[in-house]
Amino acid sequence: MLRIKLVKSIIGQTGQNRKIVAALGLRKMHQTVEHQDTPTIRGMVHKVKHMLVVEAVAPVAAEKPAEKPKRTKKTESAEPSEETKE
């Protein structure tokens, strides 16, 4: 897991650098995001490394969300409907 922080403004940067920063999910100065440590993310970070501070953090075990109770089908009433009555 990588913790990435934008420490330099995108003002005056090339359009490609701005798009990379946006693709990393960074919009404001000193904003921090966390991403999985993948070659794709590493490549993006490498392109704009002069604007970022990156630190490796231990992955946090994601808690499994509590399961919702399963819905049961409504049972039909014991009385026959008007259509089935003769």
C-alpha atoms as a PDB file:
ATOM      1  CA  MET A   1       0.000   0.000   0.000  1.00  0.00           C
ATOM      2  CA  LEU A   2       1.318   3.442  -0.924  1.00  0.00           C
ATOM      3  CA  ARG A   3       0.376   6.708   0.758  1.00  0.00           C
ATOM      4  CA  ILE A   4       0.754   9.522  -1.781  1.00  0.00           C
ATOM      5  CA  LYS A   5       0.674  13.233  -0.906  1.00  0.00           C
ATOM      6  CA  LEU A   6       0.679  16.178  -3.331  1.00  0.00           C
ATOM      7  CA  VAL A   7       3.239  18.721  -2.070  1.00  0.00           C
ATOM      8  CA  LYS A   8       3.777  20.878  -5.155  1.00  0.00           C
ATOM      9  CA  SER A   9       1.107  22.763  -7.069  1.00  0.00           C
ATOM     10  CA  ILE A  10       0.019  21.656 -10.516  1.00  0.00           C
ATOM     11  CA  ILE A  11       0.040  25.312 -11.627  1.00  0.00           C
ATOM     12  CA  GLY A  12       2.662  25.679 -14.330  1.00  0.00           C
ATOM     13  CA  GLN A  13       2.928  21.929 -14.927  1.00  0.00           C
ATOM     14  CA  THR A  14       2.345  20.246 -18.268  1.00  0.00           C
ATOM     15  CA  GLY A  15      -1.101  18.979 -19.175  1.00  0.00           C
ATOM     16  CA  GLN A  16       0.110  15.381 -18.960  1.00  0.00           C
ATOM     17  CA  ASN A  17       1.372  15.914 -15.403  1.00  0.00           C
ATOM     18  CA  ARG A  18      -1.953  17.464 -14.410  1.00  0.00           C
ATOM     19  CA  LYS A  19      -3.840  14.465 -15.801  1.00  0.00           C
ATOM     20  CA  ILE A  20      -1.577  12.015 -13.965  1.00  0.00           C
ATOM     21  CA  VAL A  21      -2.078  13.835 -10.655  1.00  0.00           C
ATOM     22  CA  ALA A  22      -5.848  13.846 -11.233  1.00  0.00           C
ATOM     23  CA  ALA A  23      -5.792  10.133 -12.120  1.00  0.00           C
ATOM     24  CA  LEU A  24      -4.082   9.440  -8.807  1.00  0.00           C
ATOM     25  CA  GLY A  25      -7.082  11.076  -7.130  1.00  0.00           C
ATOM     26  CA  LEU A  26      -5.251  14.189  -5.953  1.00  0.00           C
ATOM     27  CA  ARG A  27      -7.062  17.511  -6.317  1.00  0.00           C
ATOM     28  CA  LYS A  28      -5.645  19.827  -3.674  1.00  0.00           C
ATOM     29  CA  MET A  29      -2.269  20.600  -2.180  1.00  0.00           C
ATOM     30  CA  HIS A  30      -1.359  18.428   0.815  1.00  0.00           C
ATOM     31  CA  GLN A  31      -4.150  15.981   0.007  1.00  0.00           C
ATOM     32  CA  THR A  32      -3.261  12.372   0.750  1.00  0.00           C
ATOM     33  CA  VAL A  33      -4.554   9.230  -0.952  1.00  0.00           C
ATOM     34  CA  GLU A  34      -3.742   5.549  -0.581  1.00  0.00           C
ATOM     35  CA  HIS A  35      -3.319   3.160  -3.501  1.00  0.00           C
ATOM     36  CA  GLN A  36      -2.324  -0.463  -3.906  1.00  0.00           C
ATOM     37  CA  ASP A  37       1.349  -0.920  -4.763  1.00  0.00           C
ATOM     38  CA  THR A  38       1.038  -1.922  -8.428  1.00  0.00           C
ATOM     39  CA  PRO A  39       3.340  -1.285 -11.400  1.00  0.00           C
ATOM     40  CA  THR A  40       0.726   1.038 -12.902  1.00  0.00           C
ATOM     41  CA  ILE A  41       0.595   3.265  -9.828  1.00  0.00           C
ATOM     42  CA  ARG A  42       4.386   3.149  -9.491  1.00  0.00           C
ATOM     43  CA  GLY A  43       4.750   4.342 -13.096  1.00  0.00           C
ATOM     44  CA  MET A  44       2.350   7.225 -12.523  1.00  0.00           C
ATOM     45  CA  VAL A  45       4.187   8.228  -9.354  1.00  0.00           C
ATOM     46  CA  HIS A  46       7.527   8.070 -11.194  1.00  0.00           C
ATOM     47  CA  LYS A  47       6.285  10.529 -13.854  1.00  0.00           C
ATOM     48  CA  VAL A  48       5.361  13.184 -11.284  1.00  0.00           C
ATOM     49  CA  LYS A  49       7.753  12.274  -8.463  1.00  0.00           C
ATOM     50  CA  HIS A  50       8.944  15.895  -8.204  1.00  0.00           C
ATOM     51  CA  MET A  51       5.450  16.874  -7.020  1.00  0.00           C
ATOM     52  CA  LEU A  52       4.745  14.055  -4.578  1.00  0.00           C
ATOM     53  CA  VAL A  53       5.792  12.542  -1.286  1.00  0.00           C
ATOM     54  CA  VAL A  54       5.327   8.784  -1.255  1.00  0.00           C
ATOM     55  CA  GLU A  55       5.584   6.389   1.662  1.00  0.00           C
ATOM     56  CA  ALA A  56       4.929   2.691   1.854  1.00  0.00           C
ATOM     57  CA  VAL A  57       2.446   1.667   4.536  1.00  0.00           C
ATOM     58  CA  ALA A  58       1.299  -1.728   5.697  1.00  0.00           C
ATOM     59  CA  PRO A  59      -2.022  -2.699   4.117  1.00  0.00           C
ATOM     60  CA  VAL A  60      -4.937  -2.326   6.474  1.00  0.00           C
ATOM     61  CA  ALA A  61      -7.069  -5.429   6.795  1.00  0.00           C
ATOM     62  CA  ALA A  62     -10.377  -4.435   5.293  1.00  0.00           C
ATOM     63  CA  GLU A  63     -13.236  -5.192   7.595  1.00  0.00           C
ATOM     64  CA  LYS A  64     -15.934  -7.301   6.061  1.00  0.00           C
ATOM     65  CA  PRO A  65     -19.159  -5.307   6.067  1.00  0.00           C
ATOM     66  CA  ALA A  66     -21.944  -6.744   8.166  1.00  0.00           C
ATOM     67  CA  GLU A  67     -24.260  -8.875   6.083  1.00  0.00           C
ATOM     68  CA  LYS A  68     -27.812  -7.720   5.710  1.00  0.00           C
ATOM     69  CA  PRO A  69     -30.481 -10.181   6.737  1.00  0.00           C
ATOM     70  CA  LYS A  70     -31.713 -12.095   3.727  1.00  0.00           C
ATOM     71  CA  ARG A  71     -35.166 -11.270   2.541  1.00  0.00           C
ATOM     72  CA  THR A  72     -37.683 -14.046   2.552  1.00  0.00           C
ATOM     73  CA  LYS A  73     -40.507 -14.448   0.110  1.00  0.00           C
ATOM     74  CA  LYS A  74     -43.860 -13.377   1.349  1.00  0.00           C
ATOM     75  CA  THR A  75     -46.139 -16.317   1.879  1.00  0.00           C
ATOM     76  CA  GLU A  76     -49.562 -16.168   0.379  1.00  0.00           C
ATOM     77  CA  SER A  77     -52.484 -16.014   2.728  1.00  0.00           C
ATOM     78  CA  ALA A  78     -54.225 -19.237   3.662  1.00  0.00           C
ATOM     79  CA  GLU A  79     -57.458 -18.084   2.033  1.00  0.00           C
ATOM     80  CA  PRO A  80     -57.773 -18.773  -1.670  1.00  0.00           C
ATOM     81  CA  SER A  81     -57.989 -15.700  -3.836  1.00  0.00           C
ATOM     82  CA  GLU A  82     -61.198 -14.607  -5.584  1.00  0.00           C
ATOM     83  CA  GLU A  83     -59.991 -16.009  -8.915  1.00  0.00           C
ATOM     84  CA  THR A  84     -59.586 -19.560  -7.612  1.00  0.00           C
ATOM     85  CA  LYS A  85     -62.947 -19.642  -5.833  1.00  0.00           C
ATOM     86  CA  GLU A  86     -65.771 -21.219  -7.758  1.00  0.00           C
END
